[in-house]
């Protein structure tokens, strides 16, 4: 498990909000937005990268930069992780079943896509065990250009792991757009924070340059 620090709830400004939403029957909620991926898609295609892996990295890198997305419940305590890694679904073409693959968040997309592709190729098991709390979960739904999505729920109200989904992209007024969804635990993440993630992700997609990408540090 990645390093984290326990939050002292006696002086944490969000303590009351966290406690209120933690008691809700369904404390997680989902928001879907539309992203413009025109420039980003062209860059990814030019590099010959998997769009799924590239989008996984983009979403997780931008979520990592918003502190609210790095809070979790661990052993009944509220903690803030220094580093969050990635988990994504990967479809096996022959069986048409997906496997869940975990990969560390790398400094650059180039490094991440190479590592993720090799990890997915080598992994034979569909599931390697319960996911840790120190990941972002990502899942592509490239067959449907959806406007809303929901998720299965295990019943664990303290599961604070955010889920990022995206659907089939398409053309709209001369641009390529993508439905993108964020599911987050309301104890930690408000609409304000989802807005910051969406804005940050859109800015990243707009400015992405595969040949001149700046390294991202989680230190």
Protein backbone atom coordinates (compact mmCIF):
# COMPACT_ATOMS: atom_id res chain seq x y z
CA UNK A 1 0.00 0.00 0.00
CA UNK A 2 1.23 3.48 -0.83
CA UNK A 3 2.20 5.90 1.97
CA UNK A 4 -0.54 7.96 3.59
CA UNK A 5 -1.14 10.14 6.62
CA UNK A 6 -4.03 9.81 9.02
CA UNK A 7 -6.28 12.85 9.26
CA UNK A 8 -6.93 14.38 12.67
CA UNK A 9 -10.69 14.85 12.56
CA UNK A 10 -10.67 17.30 15.46
CA UNK A 11 -9.24 20.06 13.30
CA UNK A 12 -10.08 18.88 9.77
CA UNK A 13 -12.42 21.43 8.17
CA UNK A 14 -14.31 18.71 6.32
CA UNK A 15 -14.93 16.46 9.34
CA UNK A 16 -18.63 17.27 9.69
CA UNK A 17 -19.38 16.84 5.98
CA UNK A 18 -17.43 13.59 5.93
CA UNK A 19 -19.37 12.19 8.88
CA UNK A 20 -22.76 13.19 7.46
CA UNK A 21 -22.23 11.60 4.04
CA UNK A 22 -20.51 8.54 5.50
CA UNK A 23 -23.82 7.55 7.09
CA UNK A 24 -25.80 7.74 3.85
CA UNK A 25 -27.13 4.52 2.36
CA UNK A 26 -25.53 5.41 -0.99
CA UNK A 27 -22.70 7.85 -0.21
CA UNK A 28 -21.22 7.82 -3.71
CA UNK A 29 -22.62 9.75 -6.65
CA UNK A 30 -21.84 10.01 -10.35
CA UNK A 31 -21.52 12.96 -12.73
CA UNK A 32 -21.15 12.74 -16.51
CA UNK A 33 -19.61 15.52 -18.59
CA UNK A 34 -18.57 15.94 -22.22
CA UNK A 35 -14.89 16.35 -23.05
CA UNK A 36 -13.38 17.70 -26.25
CA UNK A 37 -10.67 15.22 -27.26
CA UNK A 38 -9.97 16.56 -30.76
CA UNK A 39 -6.31 17.42 -30.23
CA UNK A 40 -5.65 14.64 -27.75
CA UNK A 41 -7.02 11.92 -30.02
CA UNK A 42 -4.83 13.11 -32.90
CA UNK A 43 -1.76 13.00 -30.66
CA UNK A 44 -2.58 9.50 -29.40
CA UNK A 45 -3.19 8.19 -32.90
CA UNK A 46 0.06 9.71 -34.15
CA UNK A 47 1.96 7.77 -31.47
CA UNK A 48 0.08 4.54 -32.18
CA UNK A 49 -1.04 4.30 -28.55
CA UNK A 50 -4.13 2.61 -27.16
CA UNK A 51 -6.73 5.30 -26.55
CA UNK A 52 -7.97 3.39 -23.49
CA UNK A 53 -4.54 3.40 -21.87
CA UNK A 54 -3.86 7.00 -22.82
CA UNK A 55 -7.20 8.14 -21.41
CA UNK A 56 -6.64 6.13 -18.23
CA UNK A 57 -3.39 7.94 -17.66
CA UNK A 58 -4.86 11.36 -18.43
CA UNK A 59 -7.80 10.88 -16.06
CA UNK A 60 -5.70 9.50 -13.21
CA UNK A 61 -2.94 12.06 -13.55
CA UNK A 62 -5.45 14.92 -13.41
CA UNK A 63 -7.39 13.34 -10.52
CA UNK A 64 -4.18 12.91 -8.59
CA UNK A 65 -3.64 16.67 -8.76
CA UNK A 66 -6.95 17.32 -6.93
CA UNK A 67 -6.39 16.48 -3.27
CA UNK A 68 -10.02 15.55 -2.60
CA UNK A 69 -9.64 12.47 -4.83
CA UNK A 70 -6.80 11.07 -2.70
CA UNK A 71 -8.77 10.70 0.54
CA UNK A 72 -9.85 7.22 1.63
CA UNK A 73 -11.11 5.26 4.61
CA UNK A 74 -8.48 2.83 5.91
CA UNK A 75 -9.08 0.72 9.04
CA UNK A 76 -12.00 2.99 9.94
CA UNK A 77 -9.76 6.08 9.77
CA UNK A 78 -9.76 8.93 7.26
CA UNK A 79 -6.42 9.09 5.44
CA UNK A 80 -4.83 11.10 2.66
CA UNK A 81 -2.61 9.12 0.28
CA UNK A 82 0.62 10.63 -1.00
CA UNK A 83 0.27 8.57 -4.16
CA UNK A 84 -2.61 6.90 -5.96
CA UNK A 85 -1.99 4.36 -8.73
CA UNK A 86 -4.26 3.05 -11.47
CA UNK A 87 -6.54 0.09 -12.16
CA UNK A 88 -8.34 -0.44 -15.45
CA UNK A 89 -10.48 -3.00 -17.21
CA UNK A 90 -8.99 -4.66 -20.31
CA UNK A 91 -11.03 -6.75 -22.71
CA UNK A 92 -9.71 -10.09 -23.94
CA UNK A 93 -10.78 -10.30 -27.58
CA UNK A 94 -11.09 -14.09 -27.73
CA UNK A 95 -13.15 -14.66 -24.58
CA UNK A 96 -14.87 -11.24 -24.67
CA UNK A 97 -14.32 -11.09 -20.91
CA UNK A 98 -12.45 -8.31 -19.18
CA UNK A 99 -9.64 -8.46 -16.67
CA UNK A 100 -8.70 -5.85 -14.09
CA UNK A 101 -5.12 -4.64 -14.39
CA UNK A 102 -3.24 -2.48 -11.89
CA UNK A 103 -0.34 -0.27 -12.97
CA UNK A 104 1.63 2.43 -11.10
CA UNK A 105 1.08 6.03 -12.12
CA UNK A 106 4.16 6.99 -14.16
CA UNK A 107 5.81 10.40 -14.67
CA UNK A 108 4.78 10.53 -18.36
CA UNK A 109 2.10 9.06 -20.57
CA UNK A 110 4.71 7.47 -22.82
CA UNK A 111 6.10 5.47 -19.90
CA UNK A 112 2.65 4.60 -18.60
CA UNK A 113 1.21 3.37 -21.89
CA UNK A 114 4.22 1.11 -22.48
CA UNK A 115 4.11 -0.33 -18.96
CA UNK A 116 0.32 -0.75 -18.97
CA UNK A 117 0.28 -2.48 -22.34
CA UNK A 118 2.97 -4.94 -21.27
CA UNK A 119 1.30 -5.57 -17.90
CA UNK A 120 -2.07 -6.23 -19.53
CA UNK A 121 -0.45 -8.55 -22.08
CA UNK A 122 1.33 -10.60 -19.43
CA UNK A 123 -1.57 -10.87 -16.98
CA UNK A 124 -3.51 -14.08 -17.49
CA UNK A 125 -5.93 -13.89 -14.55
CA UNK A 126 -9.12 -11.89 -14.88
CA UNK A 127 -8.88 -10.79 -11.26
CA UNK A 128 -5.69 -10.86 -9.22
CA UNK A 129 -7.40 -10.20 -5.89
CA UNK A 130 -9.26 -7.38 -4.18
CA UNK A 131 -8.09 -3.96 -5.32
CA UNK A 132 -6.30 -1.82 -2.79
CA UNK A 133 -7.73 1.50 -1.72
CA UNK A 134 -4.78 3.35 -3.26
CA UNK A 135 -5.95 3.22 -6.88
CA UNK A 136 -8.25 5.06 -9.25
CA UNK A 137 -10.52 2.63 -11.10
CA UNK A 138 -11.04 3.23 -14.82
CA UNK A 139 -13.30 1.51 -17.32
CA UNK A 140 -13.92 2.27 -20.98
CA UNK A 141 -17.29 1.67 -22.64
CA UNK A 142 -16.36 2.38 -26.27
CA UNK A 143 -19.48 0.74 -27.73
CA UNK A 144 -21.94 3.33 -26.40
CA UNK A 145 -22.03 7.10 -26.65
CA UNK A 146 -23.91 7.39 -23.38
CA UNK A 147 -25.28 10.37 -21.49
CA UNK A 148 -25.56 8.64 -18.11
CA UNK A 149 -23.99 5.65 -16.39
CA UNK A 150 -24.46 3.82 -13.08
CA UNK A 151 -22.33 1.26 -11.29
CA UNK A 152 -22.70 -1.90 -9.29
CA UNK A 153 -22.42 -1.45 -5.53
CA UNK A 154 -20.89 -3.96 -3.13
CA UNK A 155 -22.69 -2.46 -0.16
CA UNK A 156 -19.48 -1.20 1.41
CA UNK A 157 -20.27 2.39 2.32
CA UNK A 158 -16.62 3.13 3.12
CA UNK A 159 -15.40 2.34 -0.38
CA UNK A 160 -13.97 5.74 -1.27
CA UNK A 161 -12.22 4.71 -4.49
CA UNK A 162 -13.23 7.02 -7.37
CA UNK A 163 -14.37 5.44 -10.64
CA UNK A 164 -13.73 7.03 -14.02
CA UNK A 165 -15.62 5.87 -17.10
CA UNK A 166 -15.83 7.06 -20.68
CA UNK A 167 -17.90 6.00 -23.64
CA UNK A 168 -17.79 6.10 -27.40
CA UNK A 169 -16.48 9.32 -28.89
CA UNK A 170 -18.07 11.05 -31.85
CA UNK A 171 -18.26 14.22 -33.88
CA UNK A 172 -20.14 17.31 -32.72
CA UNK A 173 -19.97 20.64 -34.52
CA UNK A 174 -16.66 19.74 -36.10
CA UNK A 175 -15.07 18.55 -32.85
CA UNK A 176 -14.51 15.09 -31.38
CA UNK A 177 -16.27 14.73 -28.04
CA UNK A 178 -16.29 12.02 -25.39
CA UNK A 179 -18.72 11.27 -22.54
CA UNK A 180 -16.71 11.06 -19.32
CA UNK A 181 -18.07 10.06 -15.91
CA UNK A 182 -16.77 10.50 -12.38
CA UNK A 183 -18.11 8.52 -9.43
CA UNK A 184 -16.84 9.67 -6.06
CA UNK A 185 -17.61 9.33 -2.35
CA UNK A 186 -19.41 12.43 -1.09
CA UNK A 187 -17.56 12.26 2.22
CA UNK A 188 -14.51 13.53 0.35
CA UNK A 189 -15.59 14.90 -3.02
CA UNK A 190 -18.12 17.64 -3.74
CA UNK A 191 -19.30 19.00 -7.07
CA UNK A 192 -16.65 21.70 -6.73
CA UNK A 193 -13.92 19.08 -6.80
CA UNK A 194 -15.44 17.23 -9.74
CA UNK A 195 -15.55 20.56 -11.56
CA UNK A 196 -11.86 21.09 -10.86
CA UNK A 197 -11.07 17.62 -12.17
CA UNK A 198 -13.08 18.12 -15.36
CA UNK A 199 -11.54 21.55 -15.97
CA UNK A 200 -8.05 20.27 -15.29
CA UNK A 201 -8.56 17.23 -17.49
CA UNK A 202 -9.91 19.32 -20.36
CA UNK A 203 -6.92 21.66 -20.11
CA UNK A 204 -4.57 18.67 -20.11
CA UNK A 205 -6.25 17.17 -23.18
CA UNK A 206 -6.19 20.51 -24.99
CA UNK A 207 -2.51 21.09 -24.34
CA UNK A 208 -1.17 17.56 -24.57
CA UNK A 209 1.98 17.18 -26.68
CA UNK A 210 3.37 13.65 -26.76
CA UNK A 211 6.82 14.86 -27.79
CA UNK A 212 7.14 17.56 -25.13
CA UNK A 213 5.17 16.23 -22.18
CA UNK A 214 6.33 17.42 -18.79
CA UNK A 215 6.95 14.73 -16.20
CA UNK A 216 4.44 14.47 -13.38
CA UNK A 217 5.78 13.84 -9.89
CA UNK A 218 3.75 12.39 -7.04
CA UNK A 219 6.46 13.23 -4.52
